[in-house]
């Protein structure tokens, strides 16, 4: 697979490439699209006024960086996985169960949320 540029907003094609899902596999496209739209909305709401999400050529705000695009993709995948595990556990067949934590420090770092949020001045 060729690399897809990480530009805002992330697309279903970007998500599928990141997860190594073949383009021909459309089984979960509706779920992925729903989760990705929610993740995009979350990131835009969280960083409103800090980045130019609309690609407004007259804006002086910077475009979202590549790590924020990848963070939104990974957040969408995380939400999809958590939806299948309301009790925070997923089964791994013969390997038993595995815990799915409610947060991921790598995603928080990419999206500058949680403990990686920039300082706020009042």
PDB file of N, CA and C in Angstrom:
ATOM      1  N   UNK A   1       0.843  -1.185   0.000  1.00  0.00           N
ATOM      2  CA  UNK A   1       0.000   0.000   0.000  1.00  0.00           C
ATOM      3  C   UNK A   1       0.884   1.243   0.000  1.00  0.00           C
ATOM      4  N   UNK A   2       0.529   2.178  -0.835  1.00  0.00           N
ATOM      5  CA  UNK A   2       1.249   3.454  -0.873  1.00  0.00           C
ATOM      6  C   UNK A   2       0.785   4.327   0.286  1.00  0.00           C
ATOM      7  N   UNK A   3       1.669   5.170   0.732  1.00  0.00           N
ATOM      8  CA  UNK A   3       1.339   6.064   1.848  1.00  0.00           C
ATOM      9  C   UNK A   3       0.324   7.108   1.405  1.00  0.00           C
ATOM     10  N   UNK A   4      -0.671   7.323   2.244  1.00  0.00           N
ATOM     11  CA  UNK A   4      -1.673   8.361   1.992  1.00  0.00           C
ATOM     12  C   UNK A   4      -1.275   9.564   2.833  1.00  0.00           C
ATOM     13  N   UNK A   5      -1.238  10.762   2.229  1.00  0.00           N
ATOM     14  CA  UNK A   5      -0.886  11.948   3.024  1.00  0.00           C
ATOM     15  C   UNK A   5      -1.881  12.153   4.161  1.00  0.00           C
ATOM     16  N   UNK A   6      -1.369  12.500   5.320  1.00  0.00           N
ATOM     17  CA  UNK A   6      -2.222  12.718   6.486  1.00  0.00           C
ATOM     18  C   UNK A   6      -2.681  14.169   6.497  1.00  0.00           C
ATOM     19  N   UNK A   7      -3.782  14.434   5.834  1.00  0.00           N
ATOM     20  CA  UNK A   7      -4.354  15.776   5.760  1.00  0.00           C
ATOM     21  C   UNK A   7      -5.725  15.766   6.409  1.00  0.00           C
ATOM     22  N   UNK A   8      -6.110  16.944   6.928  1.00  0.00           N
ATOM     23  CA  UNK A   8      -7.406  17.071   7.589  1.00  0.00           C
ATOM     24  C   UNK A   8      -8.488  17.310   6.581  1.00  0.00           C
ATOM     25  N   UNK A   9      -9.649  16.718   6.736  1.00  0.00           N
ATOM     26  CA  UNK A   9     -10.044  15.736   7.734  1.00  0.00           C
ATOM     27  C   UNK A   9      -9.622  14.332   7.308  1.00  0.00           C
ATOM     28  N   UNK A  10      -9.396  13.449   8.274  1.00  0.00           N
ATOM     29  CA  UNK A  10      -9.054  12.075   7.922  1.00  0.00           C
ATOM     30  C   UNK A  10     -10.214  11.405   7.195  1.00  0.00           C
ATOM     31  N   UNK A  11      -9.894  10.507   6.306  1.00  0.00           N
ATOM     32  CA  UNK A  11     -10.913   9.824   5.510  1.00  0.00           C
ATOM     33  C   UNK A  11     -10.982   8.343   5.881  1.00  0.00           C
ATOM     34  N   UNK A  12     -12.032   7.709   5.405  1.00  0.00           N
ATOM     35  CA  UNK A  12     -12.181   6.273   5.608  1.00  0.00           C
ATOM     36  C   UNK A  12     -11.000   5.532   4.981  1.00  0.00           C
ATOM     37  N   UNK A  13     -10.538   5.990   3.826  1.00  0.00           N
ATOM     38  CA  UNK A  13      -9.379   5.357   3.170  1.00  0.00           C
ATOM     39  C   UNK A  13      -8.138   5.428   4.057  1.00  0.00           C
ATOM     40  N   UNK A  14      -7.937   6.551   4.736  1.00  0.00           N
ATOM     41  CA  UNK A  14      -6.794   6.688   5.651  1.00  0.00           C
ATOM     42  C   UNK A  14      -6.924   5.714   6.817  1.00  0.00           C
ATOM     43  N   UNK A  15      -8.127   5.620   7.367  1.00  0.00           N
ATOM     44  CA  UNK A  15      -8.374   4.718   8.484  1.00  0.00           C
ATOM     45  C   UNK A  15      -8.104   3.276   8.072  1.00  0.00           C
ATOM     46  N   UNK A  16      -8.615   2.884   6.911  1.00  0.00           N
ATOM     47  CA  UNK A  16      -8.439   1.512   6.451  1.00  0.00           C
ATOM     48  C   UNK A  16      -6.968   1.217   6.176  1.00  0.00           C
ATOM     49  N   UNK A  17      -6.232   2.181   5.641  1.00  0.00           N
ATOM     50  CA  UNK A  17      -4.820   1.946   5.391  1.00  0.00           C
ATOM     51  C   UNK A  17      -4.061   1.801   6.712  1.00  0.00           C
ATOM     52  N   UNK A  18      -4.373   2.657   7.677  1.00  0.00           N
ATOM     53  CA  UNK A  18      -3.700   2.582   8.971  1.00  0.00           C
ATOM     54  C   UNK A  18      -3.932   1.231   9.635  1.00  0.00           C
ATOM     55  N   UNK A  19      -5.119   0.685   9.486  1.00  0.00           N
ATOM     56  CA  UNK A  19      -5.467  -0.590  10.109  1.00  0.00           C
ATOM     57  C   UNK A  19      -5.185  -1.795   9.211  1.00  0.00           C
ATOM     58  N   UNK A  20      -4.602  -1.535   8.047  1.00  0.00           N
ATOM     59  CA  UNK A  20      -4.292  -2.581   7.065  1.00  0.00           C
ATOM     60  C   UNK A  20      -5.535  -3.368   6.672  1.00  0.00           C
ATOM     61  N   UNK A  21      -6.623  -2.651   6.452  1.00  0.00           N
ATOM     62  CA  UNK A  21      -7.871  -3.250   5.995  1.00  0.00           C
ATOM     63  C   UNK A  21      -7.910  -3.072   4.480  1.00  0.00           C
ATOM     64  N   UNK A  22      -8.055  -4.143   3.715  1.00  0.00           N
ATOM     65  CA  UNK A  22      -8.096  -4.003   2.256  1.00  0.00           C
ATOM     66  C   UNK A  22      -9.263  -3.116   1.813  1.00  0.00           C
ATOM     67  N   UNK A  23      -9.056  -2.362   0.742  1.00  0.00           N
ATOM     68  CA  UNK A  23     -10.115  -1.500   0.214  1.00  0.00           C
ATOM     69  C   UNK A  23     -11.353  -2.301  -0.158  1.00  0.00           C
ATOM     70  N   UNK A  24     -11.161  -3.553  -0.518  1.00  0.00           N
ATOM     71  CA  UNK A  24     -12.285  -4.390  -0.934  1.00  0.00           C
ATOM     72  C   UNK A  24     -13.125  -4.881   0.240  1.00  0.00           C
ATOM     73  N   UNK A  25     -12.608  -4.784   1.461  1.00  0.00           N
ATOM     74  CA  UNK A  25     -13.338  -5.213   2.652  1.00  0.00           C
ATOM     75  C   UNK A  25     -14.214  -4.052   3.123  1.00  0.00           C
ATOM     76  N   UNK A  26     -15.505  -4.166   2.847  1.00  0.00           N
ATOM     77  CA  UNK A  26     -16.436  -3.073   3.171  1.00  0.00           C
ATOM     78  C   UNK A  26     -17.389  -3.450   4.320  1.00  0.00           C
ATOM     79  N   UNK A  27     -17.119  -4.562   4.991  1.00  0.00           N
ATOM     80  CA  UNK A  27     -18.028  -5.044   6.043  1.00  0.00           C
ATOM     81  C   UNK A  27     -18.290  -4.018   7.133  1.00  0.00           C
ATOM     82  N   UNK A  28     -17.255  -3.325   7.587  1.00  0.00           N
ATOM     83  CA  UNK A  28     -17.394  -2.403   8.710  1.00  0.00           C
ATOM     84  C   UNK A  28     -17.332  -0.940   8.296  1.00  0.00           C
ATOM     85  N   UNK A  29     -17.473  -0.657   7.014  1.00  0.00           N
ATOM     86  CA  UNK A  29     -17.342   0.728   6.542  1.00  0.00           C
ATOM     87  C   UNK A  29     -18.314   1.680   7.226  1.00  0.00           C
ATOM     88  N   UNK A  30     -19.556   1.243   7.435  1.00  0.00           N
ATOM     89  CA  UNK A  30     -20.540   2.121   8.085  1.00  0.00           C
ATOM     90  C   UNK A  30     -20.121   2.443   9.520  1.00  0.00           C
ATOM     91  N   UNK A  31     -19.694   1.419  10.256  1.00  0.00           N
ATOM     92  CA  UNK A  31     -19.245   1.638  11.638  1.00  0.00           C
ATOM     93  C   UNK A  31     -17.999   2.517  11.678  1.00  0.00           C
ATOM     94  N   UNK A  32     -17.046   2.237  10.800  1.00  0.00           N
ATOM     95  CA  UNK A  32     -15.822   3.045  10.765  1.00  0.00           C
ATOM     96  C   UNK A  32     -16.135   4.497  10.419  1.00  0.00           C
ATOM     97  N   UNK A  33     -17.038   4.702   9.474  1.00  0.00           N
ATOM     98  CA  UNK A  33     -17.407   6.055   9.066  1.00  0.00           C
ATOM     99  C   UNK A  33     -18.064   6.806  10.224  1.00  0.00           C
ATOM    100  N   UNK A  34     -18.944   6.136  10.950  1.00  0.00           N
ATOM    101  CA  UNK A  34     -19.614   6.752  12.101  1.00  0.00           C
ATOM    102  C   UNK A  34     -18.610   7.130  13.180  1.00  0.00           C
ATOM    103  N   UNK A  35     -17.730   6.212  13.526  1.00  0.00           N
ATOM    104  CA  UNK A  35     -16.735   6.482  14.566  1.00  0.00           C
ATOM    105  C   UNK A  35     -15.755   7.568  14.129  1.00  0.00           C
ATOM    106  N   UNK A  36     -15.372   7.557  12.852  1.00  0.00           N
ATOM    107  CA  UNK A  36     -14.441   8.570  12.348  1.00  0.00           C
ATOM    108  C   UNK A  36     -15.086   9.956  12.367  1.00  0.00           C
ATOM    109  N   UNK A  37     -16.359  10.044  11.984  1.00  0.00           N
ATOM    110  CA  UNK A  37     -17.059  11.334  12.015  1.00  0.00           C
ATOM    111  C   UNK A  37     -17.127  11.869  13.448  1.00  0.00           C
ATOM    112  N   UNK A  38     -17.384  10.973  14.412  1.00  0.00           N
ATOM    113  CA  UNK A  38     -17.434  11.390  15.821  1.00  0.00           C
ATOM    114  C   UNK A  38     -16.060  11.846  16.301  1.00  0.00           C
ATOM    115  N   UNK A  39     -15.006  11.139  15.910  1.00  0.00           N
ATOM    116  CA  UNK A  39     -13.649  11.516  16.320  1.00  0.00           C
ATOM    117  C   UNK A  39     -13.257  12.863  15.713  1.00  0.00           C
ATOM    118  N   UNK A  40     -13.607  13.091  14.456  1.00  0.00           N
ATOM    119  CA  UNK A  40     -13.318  14.372  13.801  1.00  0.00           C
ATOM    120  C   UNK A  40     -14.036  15.498  14.527  1.00  0.00           C
ATOM    121  N   UNK A  41     -15.313  15.284  14.841  1.00  0.00           N
ATOM    122  CA  UNK A  41     -16.088  16.288  15.562  1.00  0.00           C
ATOM    123  C   UNK A  41     -15.481  16.573  16.935  1.00  0.00           C
ATOM    124  N   UNK A  42     -15.054  15.525  17.628  1.00  0.00           N
ATOM    125  CA  UNK A  42     -14.440  15.674  18.940  1.00  0.00           C
ATOM    126  C   UNK A  42     -13.172  16.523  18.847  1.00  0.00           C
ATOM    127  N   UNK A  43     -12.295  16.195  17.913  1.00  0.00           N
ATOM    128  CA  UNK A  43     -11.025  16.912  17.778  1.00  0.00           C
ATOM    129  C   UNK A  43     -11.269  18.363  17.386  1.00  0.00           C
ATOM    130  N   UNK A  44     -12.172  18.592  16.442  1.00  0.00           N
ATOM    131  CA  UNK A  44     -12.460  19.965  16.021  1.00  0.00           C
ATOM    132  C   UNK A  44     -13.044  20.787  17.171  1.00  0.00           C
ATOM    133  N   UNK A  45     -13.920  20.189  17.960  1.00  0.00           N
ATOM    134  CA  UNK A  45     -14.500  20.895  19.094  1.00  0.00           C
ATOM    135  C   UNK A  45     -13.481  21.175  20.176  1.00  0.00           C
ATOM    136  N   UNK A  46     -12.592  20.235  20.375  1.00  0.00           N
ATOM    137  CA  UNK A  46     -11.578  20.355  21.420  1.00  0.00           C
ATOM    138  C   UNK A  46     -10.519  21.406  21.078  1.00  0.00           C
ATOM    139  N   UNK A  47     -10.235  21.576  19.794  1.00  0.00           N
ATOM    140  CA  UNK A  47      -9.163  22.480  19.358  1.00  0.00           C
ATOM    141  C   UNK A  47      -9.679  23.643  18.507  1.00  0.00           C
ATOM    142  N   UNK A  48     -10.945  23.980  18.690  1.00  0.00           N
ATOM    143  CA  UNK A  48     -11.539  25.098  17.961  1.00  0.00           C
ATOM    144  C   UNK A  48     -10.769  26.382  18.270  1.00  0.00           C
ATOM    145  N   UNK A  49     -10.400  27.101  17.248  1.00  0.00           N
ATOM    146  CA  UNK A  49      -9.668  28.347  17.423  1.00  0.00           C
ATOM    147  C   UNK A  49      -8.162  28.171  17.486  1.00  0.00           C
ATOM    148  N   UNK A  50      -7.694  26.913  17.506  1.00  0.00           N
ATOM    149  CA  UNK A  50      -6.252  26.663  17.548  1.00  0.00           C
ATOM    150  C   UNK A  50      -5.705  26.213  16.194  1.00  0.00           C
ATOM    151  N   UNK A  51      -6.578  25.589  15.382  1.00  0.00           N
ATOM    152  CA  UNK A  51      -6.169  25.076  14.076  1.00  0.00           C
ATOM    153  C   UNK A  51      -7.214  25.437  13.035  1.00  0.00           C
ATOM    154  N   UNK A  52      -6.781  25.498  11.791  1.00  0.00           N
ATOM    155  CA  UNK A  52      -7.675  25.770  10.667  1.00  0.00           C
ATOM    156  C   UNK A  52      -8.175  24.437  10.123  1.00  0.00           C
ATOM    157  N   UNK A  53      -9.318  23.978  10.630  1.00  0.00           N
ATOM    158  CA  UNK A  53      -9.872  22.697  10.213  1.00  0.00           C
ATOM    159  C   UNK A  53     -10.607  22.786   8.883  1.00  0.00           C
ATOM    160  N   UNK A  54     -11.011  23.985   8.486  1.00  0.00           N
ATOM    161  CA  UNK A  54     -11.811  24.146   7.269  1.00  0.00           C
ATOM    162  C   UNK A  54     -10.963  24.455   6.041  1.00  0.00           C
ATOM    163  N   UNK A  55      -9.654  24.521   6.183  1.00  0.00           N
ATOM    164  CA  UNK A  55      -8.749  24.882   5.090  1.00  0.00           C
ATOM    165  C   UNK A  55      -9.155  26.226   4.493  1.00  0.00           C
ATOM    166  N   UNK A  56      -9.425  27.165   5.388  1.00  0.00           N
ATOM    167  CA  UNK A  56      -9.792  28.519   4.989  1.00  0.00           C
ATOM    168  C   UNK A  56      -8.514  29.251   4.579  1.00  0.00           C
ATOM    169  N   UNK A  57      -8.401  29.558   3.301  1.00  0.00           N
ATOM    170  CA  UNK A  57      -7.158  30.155   2.796  1.00  0.00           C
ATOM    171  C   UNK A  57      -6.867  31.509   3.433  1.00  0.00           C
ATOM    172  N   UNK A  58      -7.880  32.168   3.987  1.00  0.00           N
ATOM    173  CA  UNK A  58      -7.655  33.458   4.623  1.00  0.00           C
ATOM    174  C   UNK A  58      -7.304  33.353   6.098  1.00  0.00           C
ATOM    175  N   UNK A  59      -7.316  32.154   6.624  1.00  0.00           N
ATOM    176  CA  UNK A  59      -7.050  31.963   8.044  1.00  0.00           C
ATOM    177  C   UNK A  59      -5.555  32.051   8.333  1.00  0.00           C
ATOM    178  N   UNK A  60      -5.249  32.611   9.496  1.00  0.00           N
ATOM    179  CA  UNK A  60      -3.851  32.672   9.935  1.00  0.00           C
ATOM    180  C   UNK A  60      -3.515  31.499  10.854  1.00  0.00           C
ATOM    181  N   UNK A  61      -4.514  30.667  11.146  1.00  0.00           N
ATOM    182  CA  UNK A  61      -4.290  29.500  11.997  1.00  0.00           C
ATOM    183  C   UNK A  61      -3.573  28.405  11.211  1.00  0.00           C
ATOM    184  N   UNK A  62      -2.748  27.609  11.884  1.00  0.00           N
ATOM    185  CA  UNK A  62      -2.075  26.508  11.182  1.00  0.00           C
ATOM    186  C   UNK A  62      -3.043  25.359  10.899  1.00  0.00           C
ATOM    187  N   UNK A  63      -2.735  24.574   9.901  1.00  0.00           N
ATOM    188  CA  UNK A  63      -3.499  23.355   9.618  1.00  0.00           C
ATOM    189  C   UNK A  63      -3.177  22.332  10.709  1.00  0.00           C
ATOM    190  N   UNK A  64      -4.083  21.412  11.004  1.00  0.00           N
ATOM    191  CA  UNK A  64      -3.784  20.383  12.001  1.00  0.00           C
ATOM    192  C   UNK A  64      -2.570  19.559  11.563  1.00  0.00           C
ATOM    193  N   UNK A  65      -1.653  19.269  12.490  1.00  0.00           N
ATOM    194  CA  UNK A  65      -0.471  18.497  12.127  1.00  0.00           C
ATOM    195  C   UNK A  65      -0.811  17.027  11.863  1.00  0.00           C
ATOM    196  N   UNK A  66       0.115  16.337  11.235  1.00  0.00           N
ATOM    197  CA  UNK A  66      -0.090  14.931  10.869  1.00  0.00           C
ATOM    198  C   UNK A  66      -0.409  14.064  12.084  1.00  0.00           C
ATOM    199  N   UNK A  67       0.226  14.355  13.231  1.00  0.00           N
ATOM    200  CA  UNK A  67      -0.043  13.519  14.405  1.00  0.00           C
ATOM    201  C   UNK A  67      -1.476  13.689  14.898  1.00  0.00           C
ATOM    202  N   UNK A  68      -2.085  14.848  14.664  1.00  0.00           N
ATOM    203  CA  UNK A  68      -3.472  15.054  15.061  1.00  0.00           C
ATOM    204  C   UNK A  68      -4.401  14.273  14.128  1.00  0.00           C
ATOM    205  N   UNK A  69      -4.062  14.220  12.849  1.00  0.00           N
ATOM    206  CA  UNK A  69      -4.854  13.444  11.889  1.00  0.00           C
ATOM    207  C   UNK A  69      -4.786  11.964  12.263  1.00  0.00           C
ATOM    208  N   UNK A  70      -3.579  11.462  12.515  1.00  0.00           N
ATOM    209  CA  UNK A  70      -3.412  10.065  12.905  1.00  0.00           C
ATOM    210  C   UNK A  70      -4.087   9.798  14.248  1.00  0.00           C
ATOM    211  N   UNK A  71      -4.016  10.748  15.165  1.00  0.00           N
ATOM    212  CA  UNK A  71      -4.673  10.595  16.457  1.00  0.00           C
ATOM    213  C   UNK A  71      -6.183  10.459  16.309  1.00  0.00           C
ATOM    214  N   UNK A  72      -6.787  11.229  15.413  1.00  0.00           N
ATOM    215  CA  UNK A  72      -8.233  11.124  15.177  1.00  0.00           C
ATOM    216  C   UNK A  72      -8.592   9.762  14.603  1.00  0.00           C
ATOM    217  N   UNK A  73      -7.751   9.267  13.707  1.00  0.00           N
ATOM    218  CA  UNK A  73      -7.983   7.936  13.135  1.00  0.00           C
ATOM    219  C   UNK A  73      -7.913   6.881  14.234  1.00  0.00           C
ATOM    220  N   UNK A  74      -6.878   6.954  15.051  1.00  0.00           N
ATOM    221  CA  UNK A  74      -6.701   5.962  16.108  1.00  0.00           C
ATOM    222  C   UNK A  74      -7.789   6.075  17.171  1.00  0.00           C
ATOM    223  N   UNK A  75      -8.265   7.287  17.426  1.00  0.00           N
ATOM    224  CA  UNK A  75      -9.363   7.471  18.383  1.00  0.00           C
ATOM    225  C   UNK A  75     -10.626   6.803  17.857  1.00  0.00           C
ATOM    226  N   UNK A  76     -10.898   6.951  16.570  1.00  0.00           N
ATOM    227  CA  UNK A  76     -12.073   6.313  15.971  1.00  0.00           C
ATOM    228  C   UNK A  76     -11.996   4.792  16.108  1.00  0.00           C
ATOM    229  N   UNK A  77     -10.827   4.227  15.855  1.00  0.00           N
ATOM    230  CA  UNK A  77     -10.646   2.777  15.991  1.00  0.00           C
ATOM    231  C   UNK A  77     -10.819   2.358  17.451  1.00  0.00           C
ATOM    232  N   UNK A  78     -10.282   3.154  18.354  1.00  0.00           N
ATOM    233  CA  UNK A  78     -10.384   2.850  19.785  1.00  0.00           C
ATOM    234  C   UNK A  78     -11.845   2.846  20.227  1.00  0.00           C
ATOM    235  N   UNK A  79     -12.599   3.851  19.782  1.00  0.00           N
ATOM    236  CA  UNK A  79     -14.015   3.911  20.144  1.00  0.00           C
ATOM    237  C   UNK A  79     -14.766   2.711  19.584  1.00  0.00           C
ATOM    238  N   UNK A  80     -14.431   2.287  18.378  1.00  0.00           N
ATOM    239  CA  UNK A  80     -15.086   1.119  17.793  1.00  0.00           C
ATOM    240  C   UNK A  80     -14.771  -0.127  18.627  1.00  0.00           C
ATOM    241  N   UNK A  81     -13.539  -0.267  19.045  1.00  0.00           N
ATOM    242  CA  UNK A  81     -13.142  -1.404  19.865  1.00  0.00           C
ATOM    243  C   UNK A  81     -13.823  -1.359  21.231  1.00  0.00           C
ATOM    244  N   UNK A  82     -13.871  -0.182  21.842  1.00  0.00           N
ATOM    245  CA  UNK A  82     -14.511  -0.046  23.164  1.00  0.00           C
ATOM    246  C   UNK A  82     -16.006  -0.321  23.086  1.00  0.00           C
ATOM    247  N   UNK A  83     -16.632   0.000  21.965  1.00  0.00           N
ATOM    248  CA  UNK A  83     -18.059  -0.247  21.827  1.00  0.00           C
ATOM    249  C   UNK A  83     -18.361  -1.740  21.916  1.00  0.00           C
ATOM    250  N   UNK A  84     -17.432  -2.560  21.447  1.00  0.00           N
ATOM    251  CA  UNK A  84     -17.617  -4.016  21.510  1.00  0.00           C
ATOM    252  C   UNK A  84     -17.313  -4.562  22.887  1.00  0.00           C
ATOM    253  N   UNK A  85     -16.788  -3.706  23.776  1.00  0.00           N
ATOM    254  CA  UNK A  85     -16.397  -4.188  25.099  1.00  0.00           C
ATOM    255  C   UNK A  85     -16.874  -3.242  26.189  1.00  0.00           C
ATOM    256  N   UNK A  86     -18.177  -3.186  26.443  1.00  0.00           N
ATOM    257  CA  UNK A  86     -18.690  -2.255  27.452  1.00  0.00           C
ATOM    258  C   UNK A  86     -18.138  -2.511  28.851  1.00  0.00           C
ATOM    259  N   UNK A  87     -17.720  -3.747  29.124  1.00  0.00           N
ATOM    260  CA  UNK A  87     -17.150  -4.049  30.437  1.00  0.00           C
ATOM    261  C   UNK A  87     -15.629  -3.928  30.437  1.00  0.00           C
ATOM    262  N   UNK A  88     -15.066  -3.333  29.361  1.00  0.00           N
ATOM    263  CA  UNK A  88     -13.624  -3.082  29.203  1.00  0.00           C
ATOM    264  C   UNK A  88     -12.818  -4.361  29.017  1.00  0.00           C
ATOM    265  N   UNK A  89     -13.474  -5.446  28.603  1.00  0.00           N
ATOM    266  CA  UNK A  89     -12.772  -6.694  28.335  1.00  0.00           C
ATOM    267  C   UNK A  89     -13.113  -7.201  26.943  1.00  0.00           C
ATOM    268  N   UNK A  90     -12.118  -7.721  26.254  1.00  0.00           N
ATOM    269  CA  UNK A  90     -12.376  -8.396  24.983  1.00  0.00           C
ATOM    270  C   UNK A  90     -11.799  -9.804  25.095  1.00  0.00           C
ATOM    271  N   UNK A  91     -12.441 -10.734  24.433  1.00  0.00           N
ATOM    272  CA  UNK A  91     -11.944 -12.099  24.471  1.00  0.00           C
ATOM    273  C   UNK A  91     -10.982 -12.319  23.319  1.00  0.00           C
ATOM    274  N   UNK A  92      -9.941 -13.088  23.591  1.00  0.00           N
ATOM    275  CA  UNK A  92      -8.925 -13.380  22.590  1.00  0.00           C
ATOM    276  C   UNK A  92      -8.833 -14.886  22.380  1.00  0.00           C
ATOM    277  N   UNK A  93      -9.977 -15.529  22.276  1.00  0.00           N
ATOM    278  CA  UNK A  93     -10.019 -16.966  22.025  1.00  0.00           C
ATOM    279  C   UNK A  93      -9.327 -17.762  23.104  1.00  0.00           C
ATOM    280  N   UNK A  94      -8.385 -18.610  22.693  1.00  0.00           N
ATOM    281  CA  UNK A  94      -7.669 -19.471  23.629  1.00  0.00           C
ATOM    282  C   UNK A  94      -6.748 -18.695  24.565  1.00  0.00           C
ATOM    283  N   UNK A  95      -6.441 -17.455  24.210  1.00  0.00           N
ATOM    284  CA  UNK A  95      -5.549 -16.653  25.036  1.00  0.00           C
ATOM    285  C   UNK A  95      -6.260 -16.034  26.234  1.00  0.00           C
ATOM    286  N   UNK A  96      -7.580 -16.122  26.260  1.00  0.00           N
ATOM    287  CA  UNK A  96      -8.340 -15.575  27.375  1.00  0.00           C
ATOM    288  C   UNK A  96      -8.863 -14.183  27.090  1.00  0.00           C
ATOM    289  N   UNK A  97      -9.035 -13.406  28.139  1.00  0.00           N
ATOM    290  CA  UNK A  97      -9.571 -12.052  28.014  1.00  0.00           C
ATOM    291  C   UNK A  97      -8.459 -11.029  28.153  1.00  0.00           C
ATOM    292  N   UNK A  98      -8.725  -9.873  27.574  1.00  0.00           N
ATOM    293  CA  UNK A  98      -7.772  -8.772  27.656  1.00  0.00           C
ATOM    294  C   UNK A  98      -8.522  -7.513  28.024  1.00  0.00           C
ATOM    295  N   UNK A  99      -7.909  -6.686  28.836  1.00  0.00           N
ATOM    296  CA  UNK A  99      -8.533  -5.441  29.272  1.00  0.00           C
ATOM    297  C   UNK A  99      -8.288  -4.361  28.227  1.00  0.00           C
ATOM    298  N   UNK A 100      -9.325  -3.566  27.937  1.00  0.00           N
ATOM    299  CA  UNK A 100      -9.203  -2.417  27.048  1.00  0.00           C
ATOM    300  C   UNK A 100      -9.321  -1.170  27.920  1.00  0.00           C
ATOM    301  N   UNK A 101      -8.213  -0.498  28.205  1.00  0.00           N
ATOM    302  CA  UNK A 101      -8.291   0.671  29.080  1.00  0.00           C
ATOM    303  C   UNK A 101      -9.122   1.785  28.448  1.00  0.00           C
ATOM    304  N   UNK A 102      -9.628   2.670  29.287  1.00  0.00           N
ATOM    305  CA  UNK A 102     -10.501   3.745  28.795  1.00  0.00           C
ATOM    306  C   UNK A 102      -9.729   4.877  28.137  1.00  0.00           C
ATOM    307  N   UNK A 103      -8.415   4.865  28.232  1.00  0.00           N
ATOM    308  CA  UNK A 103      -7.627   5.914  27.582  1.00  0.00           C
ATOM    309  C   UNK A 103      -6.355   5.299  27.024  1.00  0.00           C
ATOM    310  N   UNK A 104      -5.744   6.004  26.105  1.00  0.00           N
ATOM    311  CA  UNK A 104      -4.499   5.570  25.495  1.00  0.00           C
ATOM    312  C   UNK A 104      -3.557   6.764  25.506  1.00  0.00           C
ATOM    313  N   UNK A 105      -2.452   6.687  26.229  1.00  0.00           N
ATOM    314  CA  UNK A 105      -1.558   7.842  26.320  1.00  0.00           C
ATOM    315  C   UNK A 105      -0.998   8.283  24.968  1.00  0.00           C
ATOM    316  N   UNK A 106      -0.803   7.351  24.038  1.00  0.00           N
ATOM    317  CA  UNK A 106      -0.301   7.744  22.720  1.00  0.00           C
ATOM    318  C   UNK A 106      -1.325   8.598  21.977  1.00  0.00           C
ATOM    319  N   UNK A 107      -2.587   8.204  22.038  1.00  0.00           N
ATOM    320  CA  UNK A 107      -3.643   8.983  21.379  1.00  0.00           C
ATOM    321  C   UNK A 107      -3.790  10.329  22.075  1.00  0.00           C
ATOM    322  N   UNK A 108      -3.763  10.337  23.401  1.00  0.00           N
ATOM    323  CA  UNK A 108      -3.857  11.608  24.127  1.00  0.00           C
ATOM    324  C   UNK A 108      -2.709  12.545  23.746  1.00  0.00           C
ATOM    325  N   UNK A 109      -1.534  11.999  23.578  1.00  0.00           N
ATOM    326  CA  UNK A 109      -0.377  12.813  23.197  1.00  0.00           C
ATOM    327  C   UNK A 109      -0.568  13.363  21.779  1.00  0.00           C
ATOM    328  N   UNK A 110      -1.011  12.520  20.850  1.00  0.00           N
ATOM    329  CA  UNK A 110      -1.212  12.966  19.471  1.00  0.00           C
ATOM    330  C   UNK A 110      -2.266  14.060  19.371  1.00  0.00           C
ATOM    331  N   UNK A 111      -3.328  13.916  20.180  1.00  0.00           N
ATOM    332  CA  UNK A 111      -4.441  14.860  20.109  1.00  0.00           C
ATOM    333  C   UNK A 111      -4.316  16.012  21.105  1.00  0.00           C
ATOM    334  N   UNK A 112      -3.287  15.992  21.920  1.00  0.00           N
ATOM    335  CA  UNK A 112      -3.072  17.025  22.934  1.00  0.00           C
ATOM    336  C   UNK A 112      -4.298  17.150  23.852  1.00  0.00           C
ATOM    337  N   UNK A 113      -4.729  16.006  24.370  1.00  0.00           N
ATOM    338  CA  UNK A 113      -5.865  15.972  25.289  1.00  0.00           C
ATOM    339  C   UNK A 113      -5.431  15.283  26.577  1.00  0.00           C
ATOM    340  N   UNK A 114      -6.331  15.261  27.565  1.00  0.00           N
ATOM    341  CA  UNK A 114      -6.019  14.602  28.830  1.00  0.00           C
ATOM    342  C   UNK A 114      -4.829  15.259  29.496  1.00  0.00           C
ATOM    343  N   UNK A 115      -3.921  14.465  29.975  1.00  0.00           N
ATOM    344  CA  UNK A 115      -2.760  15.027  30.661  1.00  0.00           C
ATOM    345  C   UNK A 115      -1.784  15.710  29.715  1.00  0.00           C
ATOM    346  N   UNK A 116      -2.014  15.574  28.413  1.00  0.00           N
ATOM    347  CA  UNK A 116      -1.146  16.228  27.423  1.00  0.00           C
ATOM    348  C   UNK A 116      -1.766  17.505  26.860  1.00  0.00           C
ATOM    349  N   UNK A 117      -2.838  17.978  27.489  1.00  0.00           N
ATOM    350  CA  UNK A 117      -3.479  19.225  27.072  1.00  0.00           C
ATOM    351  C   UNK A 117      -2.530  20.396  27.313  1.00  0.00           C
ATOM    352  N   UNK A 118      -2.543  21.370  26.401  1.00  0.00           N
ATOM    353  CA  UNK A 118      -1.716  22.551  26.654  1.00  0.00           C
ATOM    354  C   UNK A 118      -2.255  23.323  27.859  1.00  0.00           C
ATOM    355  N   UNK A 119      -1.403  24.080  28.532  1.00  0.00           N
ATOM    356  CA  UNK A 119      -1.870  24.856  29.688  1.00  0.00           C
ATOM    357  C   UNK A 119      -2.944  25.865  29.269  1.00  0.00           C
ATOM    358  N   UNK A 120      -3.863  26.105  30.167  1.00  0.00           N
ATOM    359  CA  UNK A 120      -4.948  27.049  29.913  1.00  0.00           C
ATOM    360  C   UNK A 120      -4.765  28.255  30.840  1.00  0.00           C
ATOM    361  N   UNK A 121      -4.852  29.443  30.256  1.00  0.00           N
ATOM    362  CA  UNK A 121      -4.791  30.644  31.069  1.00  0.00           C
ATOM    363  C   UNK A 121      -6.175  31.262  31.139  1.00  0.00           C
ATOM    364  N   UNK A 122      -6.552  31.685  32.311  1.00  0.00           N
ATOM    365  CA  UNK A 122      -7.894  32.224  32.492  1.00  0.00           C
ATOM    366  C   UNK A 122      -7.869  33.726  32.472  1.00  0.00           C
TER     367      UNK A 122
END
